[in-house]
PDB file of N, CA and C in Angstrom:
ATOM      1  N   MET A   1      85.387 107.564 109.309  1.00  0.00           N
ATOM      2  CA  MET A   1      86.740 108.081 109.402  1.00  0.00           C
ATOM      3  C   MET A   1      87.122 108.713 108.069  1.00  0.00           C
ATOM      4  N   THR A   2      87.739 109.866 108.111  1.00  0.00           N
ATOM      5  CA  THR A   2      88.143 110.583 106.915  1.00  0.00           C
ATOM      6  C   THR A   2      89.504 110.074 106.459  1.00  0.00           C
ATOM      7  N   GLN A   3      89.632 109.817 105.192  1.00  0.00           N
ATOM      8  CA  GLN A   3      90.906 109.368 104.643  1.00  0.00           C
ATOM      9  C   GLN A   3      91.386 110.354 103.598  1.00  0.00           C
ATOM     10  N   LEU A   4      92.683 110.528 103.530  1.00  0.00           N
ATOM     11  CA  LEU A   4      93.276 111.382 102.509  1.00  0.00           C
ATOM     12  C   LEU A   4      93.853 110.572 101.370  1.00  0.00           C
ATOM     13  N   GLY A   5      93.634 109.275 101.368  1.00  0.00           N
ATOM     14  CA  GLY A   5      94.223 108.457 100.324  1.00  0.00           C
ATOM     15  C   GLY A   5      95.725 108.445 100.458  1.00  0.00           C
ATOM     16  N   ASP A   6      96.411 108.817  99.390  1.00  0.00           N
ATOM     17  CA  ASP A   6      97.861 108.807  99.403  1.00  0.00           C
ATOM     18  C   ASP A   6      98.459 110.117  99.899  1.00  0.00           C
ATOM     19  N   SER A   7      97.648 111.028 100.388  1.00  0.00           N
ATOM     20  CA  SER A   7      98.152 112.314 100.871  1.00  0.00           C
ATOM     21  C   SER A   7      98.925 112.135 102.169  1.00  0.00           C
ATOM     22  N   MET A   8      99.905 112.994 102.358  1.00  0.00           N
ATOM     23  CA  MET A   8     100.711 112.942 103.565  1.00  0.00           C
ATOM     24  C   MET A   8     100.688 114.297 104.243  1.00  0.00           C
ATOM     25  N   ILE A   9     100.330 114.303 105.508  1.00  0.00           N
ATOM     26  CA  ILE A   9     100.375 115.513 106.315  1.00  0.00           C
ATOM     27  C   ILE A   9     101.703 115.512 107.049  1.00  0.00           C
ATOM     28  N   THR A  10     102.393 116.629 106.996  1.00  0.00           N
ATOM     29  CA  THR A  10     103.639 116.787 107.734  1.00  0.00           C
ATOM     30  C   THR A  10     103.462 117.922 108.727  1.00  0.00           C
ATOM     31  N   ILE A  11     103.718 117.607 109.989  1.00  0.00           N
ATOM     32  CA  ILE A  11     103.620 118.591 111.065  1.00  0.00           C
ATOM     33  C   ILE A  11     105.044 118.912 111.509  1.00  0.00           C
ATOM     34  N   TYR A  12     105.507 120.104 111.165  1.00  0.00           N
ATOM     35  CA  TYR A  12     106.814 120.555 111.628  1.00  0.00           C
ATOM     36  C   TYR A  12     106.599 121.247 112.965  1.00  0.00           C
ATOM     37  N   GLY A  13     107.257 120.747 114.015  1.00  0.00           N
ATOM     38  CA  GLY A  13     107.021 121.314 115.332  1.00  0.00           C
ATOM     39  C   GLY A  13     108.097 120.944 116.333  1.00  0.00           C
ATOM     40  N   GLN A  14     107.711 121.010 117.604  1.00  0.00           N
ATOM     41  CA  GLN A  14     108.595 120.694 118.712  1.00  0.00           C
ATOM     42  C   GLN A  14     107.841 119.841 119.723  1.00  0.00           C
ATOM     43  N   ASP A  15     108.589 119.027 120.475  1.00  0.00           N
ATOM     44  CA  ASP A  15     107.987 118.110 121.440  1.00  0.00           C
ATOM     45  C   ASP A  15     107.155 118.818 122.507  1.00  0.00           C
ATOM     46  N   ASP A  16     107.566 120.002 122.927  1.00  0.00           N
ATOM     47  CA  ASP A  16     106.873 120.692 124.014  1.00  0.00           C
ATOM     48  C   ASP A  16     105.777 121.648 123.528  1.00  0.00           C
ATOM     49  N   CYS A  17     105.377 121.543 122.285  1.00  0.00           N
ATOM     50  CA  CYS A  17     104.393 122.447 121.682  1.00  0.00           C
ATOM     51  C   CYS A  17     102.982 121.874 121.829  1.00  0.00           C
ATOM     52  N   VAL A  18     102.106 122.612 122.517  1.00  0.00           N
ATOM     53  CA  VAL A  18     100.729 122.179 122.734  1.00  0.00           C
ATOM     54  C   VAL A  18      99.975 122.056 121.411  1.00  0.00           C
ATOM     55  N   TYR A  19     100.141 123.027 120.522  1.00  0.00           N
ATOM     56  CA  TYR A  19      99.404 123.002 119.256  1.00  0.00           C
ATOM     57  C   TYR A  19      99.926 121.931 118.304  1.00  0.00           C
ATOM     58  N   CYS A  20     101.189 121.577 118.421  1.00  0.00           N
ATOM     59  CA  CYS A  20     101.727 120.464 117.637  1.00  0.00           C
ATOM     60  C   CYS A  20     101.049 119.171 118.080  1.00  0.00           C
ATOM     61  N   LYS A  21     100.877 119.019 119.395  1.00  0.00           N
ATOM     62  CA  LYS A  21     100.201 117.835 119.934  1.00  0.00           C
ATOM     63  C   LYS A  21      98.735 117.808 119.523  1.00  0.00           C
ATOM     64  N   LYS A  22      98.086 118.967 119.494  1.00  0.00           N
ATOM     65  CA  LYS A  22      96.687 119.034 119.063  1.00  0.00           C
ATOM     66  C   LYS A  22      96.552 118.638 117.593  1.00  0.00           C
ATOM     67  N   ALA A  23      97.494 119.064 116.776  1.00  0.00           N
ATOM     68  CA  ALA A  23      97.463 118.704 115.353  1.00  0.00           C
ATOM     69  C   ALA A  23      97.629 117.196 115.187  1.00  0.00           C
ATOM     70  N   ALA A  24      98.553 116.601 115.927  1.00  0.00           N
ATOM     71  CA  ALA A  24      98.763 115.153 115.858  1.00  0.00           C
ATOM     72  C   ALA A  24      97.527 114.412 116.362  1.00  0.00           C
ATOM     73  N   LYS A  25      96.903 114.924 117.416  1.00  0.00           N
ATOM     74  CA  LYS A  25      95.693 114.298 117.960  1.00  0.00           C
ATOM     75  C   LYS A  25      94.569 114.326 116.935  1.00  0.00           C
ATOM     76  N   LEU A  26      94.389 115.456 116.248  1.00  0.00           N
ATOM     77  CA  LEU A  26      93.371 115.552 115.206  1.00  0.00           C
ATOM     78  C   LEU A  26      93.634 114.535 114.106  1.00  0.00           C
ATOM     79  N   CYS A  27      94.883 114.407 113.709  1.00  0.00           N
ATOM     80  CA  CYS A  27      95.241 113.419 112.677  1.00  0.00           C
ATOM     81  C   CYS A  27      94.894 112.007 113.138  1.00  0.00           C
ATOM     82  N   ASN A  28      95.250 111.686 114.385  1.00  0.00           N
ATOM     83  CA  ASN A  28      94.955 110.346 114.918  1.00  0.00           C
ATOM     84  C   ASN A  28      93.461 110.088 114.997  1.00  0.00           C
ATOM     85  N   GLU A  29      92.697 111.070 115.481  1.00  0.00           N
ATOM     86  CA  GLU A  29      91.256 110.897 115.625  1.00  0.00           C
ATOM     87  C   GLU A  29      90.561 110.722 114.281  1.00  0.00           C
ATOM     88  N   GLU A  30      91.061 111.389 113.257  1.00  0.00           N
ATOM     89  CA  GLU A  30      90.407 111.352 111.945  1.00  0.00           C
ATOM     90  C   GLU A  30      91.012 110.325 110.999  1.00  0.00           C
ATOM     91  N   GLY A  31      92.069 109.656 111.418  1.00  0.00           N
ATOM     92  CA  GLY A  31      92.680 108.633 110.588  1.00  0.00           C
ATOM     93  C   GLY A  31      93.553 109.172 109.474  1.00  0.00           C
ATOM     94  N   TYR A  32      93.998 110.415 109.601  1.00  0.00           N
ATOM     95  CA  TYR A  32      94.895 110.982 108.602  1.00  0.00           C
ATOM     96  C   TYR A  32      96.277 110.354 108.723  1.00  0.00           C
ATOM     97  N   ILE A  33      96.918 110.171 107.607  1.00  0.00           N
ATOM     98  CA  ILE A  33      98.297 109.706 107.574  1.00  0.00           C
ATOM     99  C   ILE A  33      99.178 110.934 107.777  1.00  0.00           C
ATOM    100  N   TYR A  34     100.043 110.895 108.778  1.00  0.00           N
ATOM    101  CA  TYR A  34     100.869 112.064 109.060  1.00  0.00           C
ATOM    102  C   TYR A  34     102.222 111.657 109.625  1.00  0.00           C
ATOM    103  N   ARG A  35     103.096 112.626 109.631  1.00  0.00           N
ATOM    104  CA  ARG A  35     104.387 112.462 110.295  1.00  0.00           C
ATOM    105  C   ARG A  35     104.707 113.763 111.004  1.00  0.00           C
ATOM    106  N   SER A  36     105.353 113.625 112.145  1.00  0.00           N
ATOM    107  CA  SER A  36     105.806 114.788 112.902  1.00  0.00           C
ATOM    108  C   SER A  36     107.306 114.922 112.702  1.00  0.00           C
ATOM    109  N   VAL A  37     107.744 116.136 112.414  1.00  0.00           N
ATOM    110  CA  VAL A  37     109.163 116.388 112.198  1.00  0.00           C
ATOM    111  C   VAL A  37     109.592 117.481 113.164  1.00  0.00           C
ATOM    112  N   ASP A  38     110.583 117.171 113.981  1.00  0.00           N
ATOM    113  CA  ASP A  38     111.093 118.143 114.937  1.00  0.00           C
ATOM    114  C   ASP A  38     111.877 119.220 114.192  1.00  0.00           C
ATOM    115  N   ILE A  39     111.550 120.457 114.486  1.00  0.00           N
ATOM    116  CA  ILE A  39     112.197 121.583 113.799  1.00  0.00           C
ATOM    117  C   ILE A  39     113.627 121.752 114.298  1.00  0.00           C
ATOM    118  N   ASN A  40     114.526 121.875 113.359  1.00  0.00           N
ATOM    119  CA  ASN A  40     115.919 122.234 113.632  1.00  0.00           C
ATOM    120  C   ASN A  40     116.357 123.148 112.482  1.00  0.00           C
ATOM    121  N   ASN A  41     117.604 123.554 112.462  1.00  0.00           N
ATOM    122  CA  ASN A  41     118.056 124.501 111.425  1.00  0.00           C
ATOM    123  C   ASN A  41     117.910 123.948 110.015  1.00  0.00           C
ATOM    124  N   ASP A  42     118.196 122.657 109.815  1.00  0.00           N
ATOM    125  CA  ASP A  42     118.058 122.062 108.480  1.00  0.00           C
ATOM    126  C   ASP A  42     116.603 122.064 108.033  1.00  0.00           C
ATOM    127  N   ILE A  43     115.708 121.721 108.949  1.00  0.00           N
ATOM    128  CA  ILE A  43     114.277 121.704 108.623  1.00  0.00           C
ATOM    129  C   ILE A  43     113.786 123.118 108.346  1.00  0.00           C
ATOM    130  N   LEU A  44     114.257 124.097 109.123  1.00  0.00           N
ATOM    131  CA  LEU A  44     113.869 125.490 108.878  1.00  0.00           C
ATOM    132  C   LEU A  44     114.285 125.932 107.482  1.00  0.00           C
ATOM    133  N   ASP A  45     115.450 125.481 107.019  1.00  0.00           N
ATOM    134  CA  ASP A  45     115.895 125.809 105.665  1.00  0.00           C
ATOM    135  C   ASP A  45     114.954 125.197 104.619  1.00  0.00           C
ATOM    136  N   LYS A  46     114.501 123.948 104.852  1.00  0.00           N
ATOM    137  CA  LYS A  46     113.584 123.301 103.917  1.00  0.00           C
ATOM    138  C   LYS A  46     112.245 124.046 103.900  1.00  0.00           C
ATOM    139  N   ILE A  47     111.740 124.404 105.082  1.00  0.00           N
ATOM    140  CA  ILE A  47     110.476 125.135 105.149  1.00  0.00           C
ATOM    141  C   ILE A  47     110.606 126.491 104.462  1.00  0.00           C
ATOM    142  N   GLU A  48     111.731 127.152 104.677  1.00  0.00           N
ATOM    143  CA  GLU A  48     111.950 128.441 104.022  1.00  0.00           C
ATOM    144  C   GLU A  48     111.915 128.272 102.502  1.00  0.00           C
ATOM    145  N   TYR A  49     112.494 127.189 102.010  1.00  0.00           N
ATOM    146  CA  TYR A  49     112.476 126.921 100.578  1.00  0.00           C
ATOM    147  C   TYR A  49     111.038 126.715 100.088  1.00  0.00           C
ATOM    148  N   LEU A  50     110.232 125.950 100.841  1.00  0.00           N
ATOM    149  CA  LEU A  50     108.861 125.656 100.434  1.00  0.00           C
ATOM    150  C   LEU A  50     107.938 126.870 100.549  1.00  0.00           C
ATOM    151  N   MET A  51     108.122 127.672 101.610  1.00  0.00           N
ATOM    152  CA  MET A  51     107.209 128.770 101.903  1.00  0.00           C
ATOM    153  C   MET A  51     107.720 130.122 101.436  1.00  0.00           C
ATOM    154  N   GLY A  52     109.023 130.255 101.324  1.00  0.00           N
ATOM    155  CA  GLY A  52     109.595 131.543 100.967  1.00  0.00           C
ATOM    156  C   GLY A  52     110.000 132.375 102.174  1.00  0.00           C
ATOM    157  N   PHE A  53     109.759 131.867 103.369  1.00  0.00           N
ATOM    158  CA  PHE A  53     110.184 132.557 104.590  1.00  0.00           C
ATOM    159  C   PHE A  53     110.336 131.529 105.705  1.00  0.00           C
ATOM    160  N   LYS A  54     111.101 131.876 106.726  1.00  0.00           N
ATOM    161  CA  LYS A  54     111.259 130.993 107.877  1.00  0.00           C
ATOM    162  C   LYS A  54     110.159 131.292 108.882  1.00  0.00           C
ATOM    163  N   PRO A  55     109.478 130.257 109.356  1.00  0.00           N
ATOM    164  CA  PRO A  55     108.406 130.476 110.327  1.00  0.00           C
ATOM    165  C   PRO A  55     108.967 130.864 111.697  1.00  0.00           C
ATOM    166  N   LYS A  56     108.163 131.616 112.439  1.00  0.00           N
ATOM    167  CA  LYS A  56     108.568 132.018 113.787  1.00  0.00           C
ATOM    168  C   LYS A  56     107.816 131.239 114.853  1.00  0.00           C
ATOM    169  N   THR A  57     106.787 130.488 114.460  1.00  0.00           N
ATOM    170  CA  THR A  57     106.003 129.701 115.401  1.00  0.00           C
ATOM    171  C   THR A  57     105.838 128.282 114.880  1.00  0.00           C
ATOM    172  N   VAL A  58     105.423 127.390 115.762  1.00  0.00           N
ATOM    173  CA  VAL A  58     105.114 126.008 115.394  1.00  0.00           C
ATOM    174  C   VAL A  58     103.724 125.682 115.918  1.00  0.00           C
ATOM    175  N   PRO A  59     103.045 124.748 115.296  1.00  0.00           N
ATOM    176  CA  PRO A  59     103.483 123.934 114.177  1.00  0.00           C
ATOM    177  C   PRO A  59     103.331 124.668 112.839  1.00  0.00           C
ATOM    178  N   GLN A  60     104.032 124.172 111.872  1.00  0.00           N
ATOM    179  CA  GLN A  60     103.852 124.560 110.476  1.00  0.00           C
ATOM    180  C   GLN A  60     103.426 123.275 109.771  1.00  0.00           C
ATOM    181  N   ILE A  61     102.252 123.296 109.145  1.00  0.00           N
ATOM    182  CA  ILE A  61     101.654 122.064 108.641  1.00  0.00           C
ATOM    183  C   ILE A  61     101.500 122.130 107.127  1.00  0.00           C
ATOM    184  N   PHE A  62     101.874 121.022 106.495  1.00  0.00           N
ATOM    185  CA  PHE A  62     101.799 120.874 105.042  1.00  0.00           C
ATOM    186  C   PHE A  62     100.999 119.624 104.709  1.00  0.00           C
ATOM    187  N   VAL A  63     100.268 119.661 103.606  1.00  0.00           N
ATOM    188  CA  VAL A  63      99.628 118.474 103.047  1.00  0.00           C
ATOM    189  C   VAL A  63     100.240 118.296 101.671  1.00  0.00           C
ATOM    190  N   ASN A  64     100.936 117.178 101.492  1.00  0.00           N
ATOM    191  CA  ASN A  64     101.662 116.922 100.240  1.00  0.00           C
ATOM    192  C   ASN A  64     102.547 118.103  99.860  1.00  0.00           C
ATOM    193  N   GLU A  65     103.267 118.615 100.824  1.00  0.00           N
ATOM    194  CA  GLU A  65     104.197 119.730 100.667  1.00  0.00           C
ATOM    195  C   GLU A  65     103.515 121.032 100.257  1.00  0.00           C
ATOM    196  N   GLN A  66     102.189 121.082 100.350  1.00  0.00           N
ATOM    197  CA  GLN A  66     101.462 122.336 100.144  1.00  0.00           C
ATOM    198  C   GLN A  66     101.177 122.914 101.523  1.00  0.00           C
ATOM    199  N   TYR A  67     101.570 124.162 101.714  1.00  0.00           N
ATOM    200  CA  TYR A  67     101.455 124.807 103.003  1.00  0.00           C
ATOM    201  C   TYR A  67      99.999 125.046 103.383  1.00  0.00           C
ATOM    202  N   VAL A  68      99.622 124.593 104.585  1.00  0.00           N
ATOM    203  CA  VAL A  68      98.282 124.825 105.115  1.00  0.00           C
ATOM    204  C   VAL A  68      98.318 125.950 106.144  1.00  0.00           C
ATOM    205  N   GLY A  69      99.319 125.940 107.025  1.00  0.00           N
ATOM    206  CA  GLY A  69      99.444 126.961 108.063  1.00  0.00           C
ATOM    207  C   GLY A  69      99.728 126.326 109.406  1.00  0.00           C
ATOM    208  N   GLY A  70      99.291 127.008 110.463  1.00  0.00           N
ATOM    209  CA  GLY A  70      99.437 126.493 111.813  1.00  0.00           C
ATOM    210  C   GLY A  70      98.246 125.622 112.185  1.00  0.00           C
ATOM    211  N   PHE A  71      98.086 125.353 113.482  1.00  0.00           N
ATOM    212  CA  PHE A  71      97.014 124.469 113.923  1.00  0.00           C
ATOM    213  C   PHE A  71      95.635 125.018 113.570  1.00  0.00           C
ATOM    214  N   THR A  72      95.408 126.310 113.776  1.00  0.00           N
ATOM    215  CA  THR A  72      94.096 126.900 113.494  1.00  0.00           C
ATOM    216  C   THR A  72      93.717 126.724 112.029  1.00  0.00           C
ATOM    217  N   GLN A  73      94.640 126.986 111.134  1.00  0.00           N
ATOM    218  CA  GLN A  73      94.372 126.814 109.702  1.00  0.00           C
ATOM    219  C   GLN A  73      94.179 125.337 109.350  1.00  0.00           C
ATOM    220  N   PHE A  74      94.926 124.462 110.007  1.00  0.00           N
ATOM    221  CA  PHE A  74      94.784 123.026 109.769  1.00  0.00           C
ATOM    222  C   PHE A  74      93.403 122.554 110.213  1.00  0.00           C
ATOM    223  N   ARG A  75      92.942 123.029 111.352  1.00  0.00           N
ATOM    224  CA  ARG A  75      91.605 122.671 111.832  1.00  0.00           C
ATOM    225  C   ARG A  75      90.540 123.177 110.856  1.00  0.00           C
ATOM    226  N   GLU A  76      90.714 124.392 110.338  1.00  0.00           N
ATOM    227  CA  GLU A  76      89.776 124.927 109.337  1.00  0.00           C
ATOM    228  C   GLU A  76      89.805 124.081 108.062  1.00  0.00           C
ATOM    229  N   TRP A  77      90.997 123.686 107.623  1.00  0.00           N
ATOM    230  CA  TRP A  77      91.145 122.826 106.452  1.00  0.00           C
ATOM    231  C   TRP A  77      90.378 121.526 106.672  1.00  0.00           C
ATOM    232  N   HIS A  78      90.541 120.937 107.860  1.00  0.00           N
ATOM    233  CA  HIS A  78      89.854 119.686 108.195  1.00  0.00           C
ATOM    234  C   HIS A  78      88.335 119.883 108.185  1.00  0.00           C
ATOM    235  N   THR A  79      87.858 120.976 108.788  1.00  0.00           N
ATOM    236  CA  THR A  79      86.420 121.253 108.838  1.00  0.00           C
ATOM    237  C   THR A  79      85.852 121.403 107.441  1.00  0.00           C
ATOM    238  N   ASN A  80      86.533 122.155 106.592  1.00  0.00           N
ATOM    239  CA  ASN A  80      86.082 122.330 105.202  1.00  0.00           C
ATOM    240  C   ASN A  80      86.058 121.007 104.459  1.00  0.00           C
ATOM    241  N   ARG A  81      87.077 120.203 104.657  1.00  0.00           N
ATOM    242  CA  ARG A  81      87.157 118.894 103.997  1.00  0.00           C
ATOM    243  C   ARG A  81      86.040 117.981 104.480  1.00  0.00           C
ATOM    244  N   SER A  82      85.749 118.009 105.777  1.00  0.00           N
ATOM    245  CA  SER A  82      84.685 117.174 106.338  1.00  0.00           C
ATOM    246  C   SER A  82      83.333 117.578 105.779  1.00  0.00           C
ATOM    247  N   GLN A  83      83.105 118.885 105.642  1.00  0.00           N
ATOM    248  CA  GLN A  83      81.837 119.362 105.095  1.00  0.00           C
ATOM    249  C   GLN A  83      81.679 118.956 103.638  1.00  0.00           C
ATOM    250  N   GLU A  84      82.763 119.022 102.874  1.00  0.00           N
ATOM    251  CA  GLU A  84      82.709 118.603 101.468  1.00  0.00           C
ATOM    252  C   GLU A  84      82.388 117.116 101.368  1.00  0.00           C
ATOM    253  N   ASN A  85      83.031 116.296 102.217  1.00  0.00           N
ATOM    254  CA  ASN A  85      82.770 114.853 102.198  1.00  0.00           C
ATOM    255  C   ASN A  85      81.341 114.550 102.618  1.00  0.00           C
ATOM    256  N   ALA A  86      80.808 115.299 103.582  1.00  0.00           N
ATOM    257  CA  ALA A  86      79.431 115.078 104.033  1.00  0.00           C
ATOM    258  C   ALA A  86      78.448 115.376 102.911  1.00  0.00           C
ATOM    259  N   MET A  87      78.710 116.416 102.132  1.00  0.00           N
ATOM    260  CA  MET A  87      77.818 116.751 101.014  1.00  0.00           C
ATOM    261  C   MET A  87      77.801 115.628  99.989  1.00  0.00           C
ATOM    262  N   ILE A  88      78.957 115.064  99.724  1.00  0.00           N
ATOM    263  CA  ILE A  88      79.039 113.970  98.748  1.00  0.00           C
ATOM    264  C   ILE A  88      78.349 112.730  99.300  1.00  0.00           C
ATOM    265  N   ASP A  89      78.628 112.387 100.574  1.00  0.00           N
ATOM    266  CA  ASP A  89      78.051 111.200 101.202  1.00  0.00           C
ATOM    267  C   ASP A  89      76.532 111.295 101.334  1.00  0.00           C
ATOM    268  N   GLU A  90      76.013 112.507 101.513  1.00  0.00           N
ATOM    269  CA  GLU A  90      74.585 112.688 101.734  1.00  0.00           C
ATOM    270  C   GLU A  90      73.829 113.033 100.459  1.00  0.00           C
ATOM    271  N   GLY A  91      74.450 112.865  99.327  1.00  0.00           N
ATOM    272  CA  GLY A  91      73.763 113.152  98.079  1.00  0.00           C
ATOM    273  C   GLY A  91      73.552 114.645  97.882  1.00  0.00           C
ATOM    274  N   GLY A  92      74.633 115.376  97.968  1.00  0.00           N
ATOM    275  CA  GLY A  92      74.590 116.826  97.849  1.00  0.00           C
ATOM    276  C   GLY A  92      74.357 117.282  96.426  1.00  0.00           C
ATOM    277  N   PRO A  93      74.800 118.477  96.099  1.00  0.00           N
ATOM    278  CA  PRO A  93      74.525 119.095  94.800  1.00  0.00           C
ATOM    279  C   PRO A  93      74.940 118.261  93.597  1.00  0.00           C
ATOM    280  N   ILE A  94      75.985 117.474  93.698  1.00  0.00           N
ATOM    281  CA  ILE A  94      76.421 116.678  92.546  1.00  0.00           C
ATOM    282  C   ILE A  94      75.342 115.658  92.178  1.00  0.00           C
ATOM    283  N   ASP A  95      74.778 114.977  93.185  1.00  0.00           N
ATOM    284  CA  ASP A  95      73.724 114.002  92.916  1.00  0.00           C
ATOM    285  C   ASP A  95      72.498 114.671  92.312  1.00  0.00           C
ATOM    286  N   GLU A  96      72.174 115.873  92.760  1.00  0.00           N
ATOM    287  CA  GLU A  96      71.022 116.582  92.232  1.00  0.00           C
ATOM    288  C   GLU A  96      71.192 116.908  90.754  1.00  0.00           C
ATOM    289  N   LEU A  97      72.423 117.236  90.342  1.00  0.00           N
ATOM    290  CA  LEU A  97      72.673 117.551  88.949  1.00  0.00           C
ATOM    291  C   LEU A  97      72.396 116.361  88.049  1.00  0.00           C
ATOM    292  N   PHE A  98      72.696 115.172  88.546  1.00  0.00           N
ATOM    293  CA  PHE A  98      72.548 113.964  87.741  1.00  0.00           C
ATOM    294  C   PHE A  98      71.291 113.178  88.078  1.00  0.00           C
ATOM    295  N   GLU A  99      70.431 113.734  88.912  1.00  0.00           N
ATOM    296  CA  GLU A  99      69.164 113.110  89.313  1.00  0.00           C
ATOM    297  C   GLU A  99      69.350 111.666  89.730  1.00  0.00           C
ATOM    298  N   ILE A 100      70.255 111.467  90.672  1.00  0.00           N
ATOM    299  CA  ILE A 100      70.529 110.104  91.183  1.00  0.00           C
ATOM    300  C   ILE A 100      69.524 109.743  92.229  1.00  0.00           C
TER     301      ILE A 100
END
């Protein structure tokens, strides 16, 4: 199971959003710590402050208040993170440098 340590994923979305549910499912399957926040006008103002613009689609996903994107970008982020962890776990390039 992949852990983010103290990182927090925030999924800004709506209850009837398929991709919001997919993002939450990915978090549950991988053991990520996350929270879902229903978008309303106050939340849109906060997102606009963080991103510099108001989003027109959901979900909008952040990791530790750093913008990742929508579900597709979040899935790519997860895939990249999983590959990095696999390299470390399998004795990737770092181990080769130190001849472990």
